[in-house]
Each structure stands twice: as C-alpha cells, then as structure tokens.
Amino acid sequence: MLKITSKHLEVTAPIRERVESRLAKLERHDITMINPHVIITEEKPLFKIEASIKLPQGELFAQASHENLYTAINAMGQKLEKQLNRLTHKPEALRNSGKADHKDAFDETDILDDDFEEIYDYEGAEKA
C-alpha cells in the first residue's frame, strides 16, 4: 500500500494518480515493493519529492526537486527505475571479465626474434 505524505501541500487526486502511475512502472520488473513511501514538500519556489521503497533484495531511495511538481515526480520515478534496473540485472553483470582480455591482447611469444631481425635489417649487421 502506497503511503503519500505531504508538507505544506494538499495531496489531490491528480497528484496521487501521477505518483501511483509512476510507481506502477516499477512493477513491470516483477519485484515485490514493501511499504513504498513518498514525501512531497513544497519549498517555494521548488517542489521536493522523496521516495523510499523497500525490496526483498535491498532498498530504493530517490529524491528530486523542480519548479513543476509533475516534472519532479517524473524525475524521481526515472531515478527509481534506474536503481531498480541496476539492482535486478546485477547478477547478470559480468564483473571483472575484461581483465583477462587485456592480458591476452599482447603476448610476447607471438613475436619471434627472427621477426625482429627481418624488420630491423641493419646495414653491416651480420645475420645469425
């Protein structure tokens, strides 16, 4: 159940619908949201919005400020989506896989000493 708290502002039906629709986009990740809480504060001339959502894997927290309340809600929603995307795809990430590729990129045994003699044919130098 979504809990919306406001300071210096009345939460109207359109504001509640916008917040609910923005958080509904998070549900397509098939993750259980535990106690989502949104705090809306009006600090003239800005609206500040904070969201805290507990998940089985951790917690999401995002805040955004803007002169337009609906723009602040969208910015907060985008931050939450980015965090959730990162959290859900974390096991799939191949961390440290690039380190082995750099070692194999240049191998000294690929170049033989004979290659150096052919490349650097010095005048007057005797070939072995």
N, C-alpha and C. Protein backbone atom coordinates (compact mmCIF):
# COMPACT_ATOMS: atom_id res chain seq x y z
N MET A 1 0.84 -1.18 0.00
CA MET A 1 0.00 0.00 0.00
C MET A 1 0.89 1.24 0.00
N LEU A 2 0.63 2.11 -0.93
CA LEU A 2 1.41 3.33 -1.11
C LEU A 2 1.02 4.37 -0.05
N LYS A 3 2.03 4.94 0.59
CA LYS A 3 1.79 5.97 1.58
C LYS A 3 2.38 7.27 1.04
N ILE A 4 1.54 8.30 0.94
CA ILE A 4 1.98 9.60 0.46
C ILE A 4 1.83 10.60 1.60
N THR A 5 2.92 11.25 1.96
CA THR A 5 2.93 12.27 2.99
C THR A 5 3.29 13.59 2.33
N SER A 6 2.62 14.65 2.77
CA SER A 6 2.94 15.95 2.19
C SER A 6 3.17 16.97 3.29
N LYS A 7 4.04 17.93 2.97
CA LYS A 7 4.33 19.04 3.88
C LYS A 7 4.06 20.33 3.13
N HIS A 8 3.21 21.16 3.69
CA HIS A 8 2.86 22.45 3.10
C HIS A 8 2.12 22.29 1.77
N LEU A 9 1.44 21.18 1.58
CA LEU A 9 0.76 20.92 0.31
C LEU A 9 -0.34 19.90 0.54
N GLU A 10 -1.46 20.09 -0.12
CA GLU A 10 -2.54 19.11 -0.05
C GLU A 10 -2.40 18.14 -1.22
N VAL A 11 -2.47 16.85 -0.92
CA VAL A 11 -2.36 15.83 -1.96
C VAL A 11 -3.73 15.65 -2.60
N THR A 12 -3.84 16.11 -3.83
CA THR A 12 -5.10 15.99 -4.55
C THR A 12 -5.14 14.67 -5.31
N ALA A 13 -6.29 14.35 -5.86
CA ALA A 13 -6.46 13.10 -6.62
C ALA A 13 -5.51 13.03 -7.82
N PRO A 14 -5.37 14.12 -8.62
CA PRO A 14 -4.42 14.03 -9.75
C PRO A 14 -2.97 13.79 -9.32
N ILE A 15 -2.56 14.39 -8.20
CA ILE A 15 -1.20 14.17 -7.70
C ILE A 15 -1.03 12.72 -7.29
N ARG A 16 -2.01 12.19 -6.56
CA ARG A 16 -1.95 10.79 -6.12
C ARG A 16 -1.92 9.86 -7.33
N GLU A 17 -2.72 10.13 -8.34
CA GLU A 17 -2.75 9.29 -9.55
C GLU A 17 -1.41 9.32 -10.27
N ARG A 18 -0.78 10.50 -10.35
CA ARG A 18 0.51 10.60 -11.04
C ARG A 18 1.58 9.80 -10.31
N VAL A 19 1.61 9.89 -8.98
CA VAL A 19 2.60 9.15 -8.20
C VAL A 19 2.34 7.65 -8.34
N GLU A 20 1.09 7.24 -8.24
CA GLU A 20 0.76 5.82 -8.37
C GLU A 20 1.11 5.28 -9.75
N SER A 21 0.84 6.06 -10.80
CA SER A 21 1.15 5.59 -12.16
C SER A 21 2.66 5.51 -12.37
N ARG A 22 3.39 6.42 -11.76
CA ARG A 22 4.85 6.40 -11.90
C ARG A 22 5.45 5.20 -11.18
N LEU A 23 4.93 4.86 -10.01
CA LEU A 23 5.41 3.70 -9.28
C LEU A 23 4.92 2.40 -9.91
N ALA A 24 3.81 2.46 -10.63
CA ALA A 24 3.30 1.27 -11.31
C ALA A 24 4.27 0.81 -12.40
N LYS A 25 5.02 1.73 -12.95
CA LYS A 25 6.01 1.36 -13.97
C LYS A 25 7.12 0.48 -13.40
N LEU A 26 7.34 0.58 -12.08
CA LEU A 26 8.35 -0.25 -11.43
C LEU A 26 7.90 -1.70 -11.32
N GLU A 27 6.60 -1.92 -11.34
CA GLU A 27 6.05 -3.26 -11.16
C GLU A 27 6.32 -4.17 -12.35
N ARG A 28 6.67 -3.63 -13.49
CA ARG A 28 6.95 -4.49 -14.65
C ARG A 28 8.25 -5.28 -14.49
N HIS A 29 9.02 -4.95 -13.45
CA HIS A 29 10.23 -5.72 -13.15
C HIS A 29 9.91 -6.95 -12.32
N ASP A 30 8.64 -7.18 -12.04
CA ASP A 30 8.18 -8.33 -11.25
C ASP A 30 8.91 -8.43 -9.92
N ILE A 31 8.86 -7.35 -9.19
CA ILE A 31 9.52 -7.30 -7.89
C ILE A 31 8.49 -6.83 -6.86
N THR A 32 8.56 -7.37 -5.67
CA THR A 32 7.63 -7.01 -4.62
C THR A 32 8.10 -5.75 -3.91
N MET A 33 7.26 -4.71 -3.95
CA MET A 33 7.58 -3.47 -3.25
C MET A 33 6.98 -3.54 -1.85
N ILE A 34 7.80 -3.28 -0.84
CA ILE A 34 7.37 -3.34 0.54
C ILE A 34 7.32 -1.92 1.10
N ASN A 35 6.17 -1.51 1.54
CA ASN A 35 5.97 -0.20 2.17
C ASN A 35 6.52 0.97 1.36
N PRO A 36 6.05 1.19 0.14
CA PRO A 36 6.52 2.37 -0.59
C PRO A 36 6.01 3.64 0.10
N HIS A 37 6.90 4.60 0.28
CA HIS A 37 6.55 5.84 0.97
C HIS A 37 7.08 7.02 0.16
N VAL A 38 6.18 7.95 -0.14
CA VAL A 38 6.54 9.14 -0.92
C VAL A 38 6.26 10.37 -0.06
N ILE A 39 7.23 11.27 -0.01
CA ILE A 39 7.07 12.52 0.74
C ILE A 39 7.18 13.68 -0.25
N ILE A 40 6.16 14.51 -0.26
CA ILE A 40 6.12 15.68 -1.15
C ILE A 40 6.19 16.92 -0.27
N THR A 41 7.16 17.78 -0.57
CA THR A 41 7.34 19.01 0.21
C THR A 41 7.36 20.19 -0.75
N GLU A 42 6.62 21.23 -0.37
CA GLU A 42 6.64 22.46 -1.16
C GLU A 42 7.56 23.45 -0.46
N GLU A 43 8.69 23.73 -1.09
CA GLU A 43 9.63 24.72 -0.59
C GLU A 43 9.75 25.77 -1.69
N LYS A 44 9.02 26.85 -1.51
CA LYS A 44 8.92 27.84 -2.58
C LYS A 44 10.30 28.24 -3.07
N PRO A 45 10.57 28.29 -4.32
CA PRO A 45 9.71 28.05 -5.47
C PRO A 45 9.75 26.61 -5.98
N LEU A 46 10.36 25.69 -5.21
CA LEU A 46 10.54 24.32 -5.69
C LEU A 46 9.60 23.35 -4.97
N PHE A 47 9.34 22.24 -5.68
CA PHE A 47 8.69 21.09 -5.07
C PHE A 47 9.75 20.02 -4.91
N LYS A 48 9.82 19.46 -3.73
CA LYS A 48 10.80 18.41 -3.46
C LYS A 48 10.02 17.13 -3.20
N ILE A 49 10.43 16.06 -3.87
CA ILE A 49 9.75 14.78 -3.70
C ILE A 49 10.79 13.70 -3.40
N GLU A 50 10.48 12.89 -2.40
CA GLU A 50 11.36 11.80 -1.99
C GLU A 50 10.56 10.51 -1.98
N ALA A 51 11.20 9.43 -2.37
CA ALA A 51 10.54 8.12 -2.36
C ALA A 51 11.49 7.10 -1.75
N SER A 52 10.93 6.28 -0.90
CA SER A 52 11.68 5.21 -0.27
C SER A 52 10.86 3.93 -0.42
N ILE A 53 11.48 2.92 -1.03
CA ILE A 53 10.80 1.65 -1.28
C ILE A 53 11.71 0.52 -0.82
N LYS A 54 11.19 -0.31 0.03
CA LYS A 54 11.94 -1.49 0.46
C LYS A 54 11.63 -2.64 -0.48
N LEU A 55 12.67 -3.42 -0.78
CA LEU A 55 12.56 -4.57 -1.66
C LEU A 55 13.14 -5.78 -0.94
N PRO A 56 12.83 -6.99 -1.40
CA PRO A 56 13.46 -8.16 -0.80
C PRO A 56 14.99 -8.16 -0.94
N GLN A 57 15.53 -7.55 -2.01
CA GLN A 57 16.98 -7.52 -2.23
C GLN A 57 17.65 -6.30 -1.60
N GLY A 58 16.89 -5.31 -1.18
CA GLY A 58 17.51 -4.10 -0.66
C GLY A 58 16.49 -2.99 -0.54
N GLU A 59 16.95 -1.77 -0.80
CA GLU A 59 16.08 -0.61 -0.67
C GLU A 59 16.38 0.38 -1.78
N LEU A 60 15.34 1.04 -2.27
CA LEU A 60 15.48 2.09 -3.27
C LEU A 60 15.16 3.42 -2.60
N PHE A 61 15.93 4.45 -2.93
CA PHE A 61 15.65 5.79 -2.43
C PHE A 61 16.00 6.77 -3.53
N ALA A 62 15.09 7.70 -3.77
CA ALA A 62 15.36 8.74 -4.77
C ALA A 62 14.68 10.03 -4.34
N GLN A 63 15.30 11.13 -4.72
CA GLN A 63 14.68 12.43 -4.47
C GLN A 63 14.92 13.32 -5.67
N ALA A 64 13.98 14.23 -5.87
CA ALA A 64 14.09 15.16 -6.99
C ALA A 64 13.43 16.47 -6.60
N SER A 65 13.92 17.55 -7.20
CA SER A 65 13.35 18.88 -6.97
C SER A 65 13.15 19.56 -8.30
N HIS A 66 12.05 20.29 -8.40
CA HIS A 66 11.78 21.05 -9.62
C HIS A 66 10.70 22.08 -9.31
N GLU A 67 10.60 23.08 -10.17
CA GLU A 67 9.56 24.09 -10.00
C GLU A 67 8.17 23.54 -10.29
N ASN A 68 8.10 22.55 -11.17
CA ASN A 68 6.84 21.90 -11.51
C ASN A 68 6.74 20.58 -10.75
N LEU A 69 5.66 20.36 -10.04
CA LEU A 69 5.50 19.16 -9.23
C LEU A 69 5.52 17.90 -10.08
N TYR A 70 4.84 17.91 -11.21
CA TYR A 70 4.75 16.71 -12.06
C TYR A 70 6.10 16.37 -12.69
N THR A 71 6.89 17.37 -12.99
CA THR A 71 8.23 17.13 -13.51
C THR A 71 9.11 16.51 -12.43
N ALA A 72 8.94 16.97 -11.19
CA ALA A 72 9.70 16.39 -10.08
C ALA A 72 9.30 14.93 -9.85
N ILE A 73 8.01 14.63 -9.99
CA ILE A 73 7.53 13.25 -9.84
C ILE A 73 8.14 12.36 -10.92
N ASN A 74 8.16 12.84 -12.15
CA ASN A 74 8.76 12.07 -13.25
C ASN A 74 10.25 11.85 -13.04
N ALA A 75 10.96 12.87 -12.59
CA ALA A 75 12.41 12.73 -12.35
C ALA A 75 12.68 11.72 -11.24
N MET A 76 11.88 11.76 -10.20
CA MET A 76 12.02 10.80 -9.11
C MET A 76 11.75 9.38 -9.60
N GLY A 77 10.73 9.23 -10.44
CA GLY A 77 10.40 7.92 -10.99
C GLY A 77 11.51 7.37 -11.87
N GLN A 78 12.13 8.23 -12.67
CA GLN A 78 13.23 7.79 -13.52
C GLN A 78 14.42 7.33 -12.69
N LYS A 79 14.70 8.02 -11.60
CA LYS A 79 15.80 7.62 -10.73
C LYS A 79 15.52 6.27 -10.09
N LEU A 80 14.28 6.06 -9.67
CA LEU A 80 13.92 4.77 -9.08
C LEU A 80 14.03 3.65 -10.10
N GLU A 81 13.57 3.91 -11.34
CA GLU A 81 13.66 2.89 -12.39
C GLU A 81 15.12 2.53 -12.67
N LYS A 82 15.99 3.52 -12.70
CA LYS A 82 17.40 3.26 -12.96
C LYS A 82 18.01 2.40 -11.85
N GLN A 83 17.69 2.73 -10.60
CA GLN A 83 18.20 1.95 -9.48
C GLN A 83 17.67 0.52 -9.51
N LEU A 84 16.38 0.38 -9.80
CA LEU A 84 15.77 -0.95 -9.83
C LEU A 84 16.33 -1.78 -10.98
N ASN A 85 16.55 -1.15 -12.12
CA ASN A 85 17.14 -1.85 -13.26
C ASN A 85 18.54 -2.34 -12.92
N ARG A 86 19.31 -1.50 -12.26
CA ARG A 86 20.66 -1.87 -11.86
C ARG A 86 20.62 -3.02 -10.85
N LEU A 87 19.66 -2.96 -9.93
CA LEU A 87 19.56 -3.98 -8.89
C LEU A 87 19.10 -5.33 -9.45
N THR A 88 18.16 -5.31 -10.38
CA THR A 88 17.64 -6.57 -10.92
C THR A 88 18.61 -7.23 -11.88
N HIS A 89 19.44 -6.45 -12.57
CA HIS A 89 20.38 -7.02 -13.54
C HIS A 89 21.78 -7.20 -12.97
N LYS A 90 21.95 -6.95 -11.70
CA LYS A 90 23.27 -7.07 -11.08
C LYS A 90 23.84 -8.48 -11.17
N PRO A 91 23.04 -9.54 -10.94
CA PRO A 91 23.60 -10.89 -11.06
C PRO A 91 24.06 -11.24 -12.48
N GLU A 92 23.47 -10.60 -13.48
CA GLU A 92 23.82 -10.89 -14.86
C GLU A 92 25.09 -10.19 -15.30
N ALA A 93 25.50 -9.18 -14.56
CA ALA A 93 26.67 -8.40 -14.95
C ALA A 93 27.92 -9.25 -14.85
N LEU A 94 28.75 -9.18 -15.85
CA LEU A 94 29.99 -9.94 -15.86
C LEU A 94 31.10 -9.02 -15.36
N ARG A 95 31.23 -8.95 -14.07
CA ARG A 95 32.24 -8.07 -13.48
C ARG A 95 33.61 -8.72 -13.61
N ASN A 96 34.60 -7.91 -13.83
CA ASN A 96 36.00 -8.31 -13.92
C ASN A 96 36.27 -9.24 -15.09
N SER A 97 35.36 -9.35 -16.02
CA SER A 97 35.61 -10.23 -17.16
C SER A 97 36.57 -9.58 -18.15
N GLY A 98 36.68 -8.29 -18.15
CA GLY A 98 37.54 -7.59 -19.10
C GLY A 98 39.01 -7.66 -18.75
N LYS A 99 39.36 -8.01 -17.52
CA LYS A 99 40.76 -8.03 -17.12
C LYS A 99 41.56 -9.10 -17.85
N ALA A 100 40.97 -10.26 -18.07
CA ALA A 100 41.68 -11.34 -18.76
C ALA A 100 41.91 -10.99 -20.23
N ASP A 101 41.01 -10.24 -20.83
CA ASP A 101 41.15 -9.87 -22.23
C ASP A 101 42.37 -8.98 -22.45
N HIS A 102 42.66 -8.11 -21.50
CA HIS A 102 43.79 -7.20 -21.66
C HIS A 102 45.12 -7.95 -21.58
N LYS A 103 45.18 -8.98 -20.79
CA LYS A 103 46.41 -9.74 -20.68
C LYS A 103 46.70 -10.51 -21.96
N ASP A 104 45.67 -11.02 -22.59
CA ASP A 104 45.85 -11.81 -23.79
C ASP A 104 45.99 -10.96 -25.05
N ALA A 105 45.79 -9.68 -24.94
CA ALA A 105 45.83 -8.83 -26.12
C ALA A 105 47.23 -8.78 -26.74
N PHE A 106 48.27 -8.78 -25.92
CA PHE A 106 49.63 -8.73 -26.42
C PHE A 106 50.44 -9.80 -25.72
N ASP A 107 50.88 -10.74 -26.48
CA ASP A 107 51.68 -11.83 -25.93
C ASP A 107 53.05 -11.76 -26.59
N GLU A 108 54.10 -11.71 -25.80
CA GLU A 108 55.45 -11.57 -26.33
C GLU A 108 55.89 -12.76 -27.17
N THR A 109 55.32 -13.92 -26.93
CA THR A 109 55.72 -15.11 -27.68
C THR A 109 55.20 -15.07 -29.11
N ASP A 110 54.26 -14.16 -29.38
CA ASP A 110 53.75 -14.05 -30.75
C ASP A 110 54.81 -13.49 -31.70
N ILE A 111 55.72 -12.71 -31.17
CA ILE A 111 56.76 -12.11 -31.99
C ILE A 111 58.06 -12.85 -31.71
N LEU A 112 58.62 -13.44 -32.71
CA LEU A 112 59.87 -14.19 -32.56
C LEU A 112 61.06 -13.28 -32.80
N ASP A 113 62.21 -13.71 -32.34
CA ASP A 113 63.43 -12.93 -32.54
C ASP A 113 63.76 -12.79 -34.02
N ASP A 114 63.43 -13.81 -34.81
CA ASP A 114 63.71 -13.74 -36.24
C ASP A 114 62.92 -12.60 -36.89
N ASP A 115 61.73 -12.35 -36.38
CA ASP A 115 60.92 -11.27 -36.93
C ASP A 115 61.60 -9.93 -36.73
N PHE A 116 62.24 -9.75 -35.58
CA PHE A 116 62.95 -8.51 -35.33
C PHE A 116 64.11 -8.33 -36.30
N GLU A 117 64.80 -9.42 -36.58
CA GLU A 117 65.95 -9.33 -37.49
C GLU A 117 65.49 -8.97 -38.89
N GLU A 118 64.33 -9.51 -39.29
CA GLU A 118 63.83 -9.20 -40.62
C GLU A 118 63.33 -7.77 -40.69
N ILE A 119 62.69 -7.33 -39.63
CA ILE A 119 62.15 -5.98 -39.63
C ILE A 119 63.27 -4.96 -39.55
N TYR A 120 64.22 -5.19 -38.66
CA TYR A 120 65.31 -4.24 -38.44
C TYR A 120 66.58 -4.81 -39.05
N ASP A 121 66.66 -4.75 -40.34
CA ASP A 121 67.84 -5.22 -41.05
C ASP A 121 68.83 -4.07 -41.08
N TYR A 122 69.79 -4.14 -40.18
CA TYR A 122 70.76 -3.08 -40.05
C TYR A 122 71.83 -3.26 -41.11
N GLU A 123 72.30 -2.16 -41.62
CA GLU A 123 73.38 -2.17 -42.59
C GLU A 123 74.67 -2.63 -41.91
N GLY A 124 75.27 -3.55 -42.45
CA GLY A 124 76.53 -4.03 -41.93
C GLY A 124 76.38 -5.03 -40.81
N ALA A 125 75.16 -5.29 -40.38
CA ALA A 125 74.96 -6.25 -39.30
C ALA A 125 74.91 -7.64 -39.88
N GLU A 126 75.61 -8.55 -39.26
CA GLU A 126 75.60 -9.92 -39.75
C GLU A 126 74.37 -10.63 -39.21
N LYS A 127 73.75 -11.40 -40.11
CA LYS A 127 72.58 -12.18 -39.68
C LYS A 127 73.05 -13.50 -39.12
N ALA A 128 72.42 -13.97 -38.11
CA ALA A 128 72.81 -15.21 -37.45
C ALA A 128 72.34 -16.42 -38.21
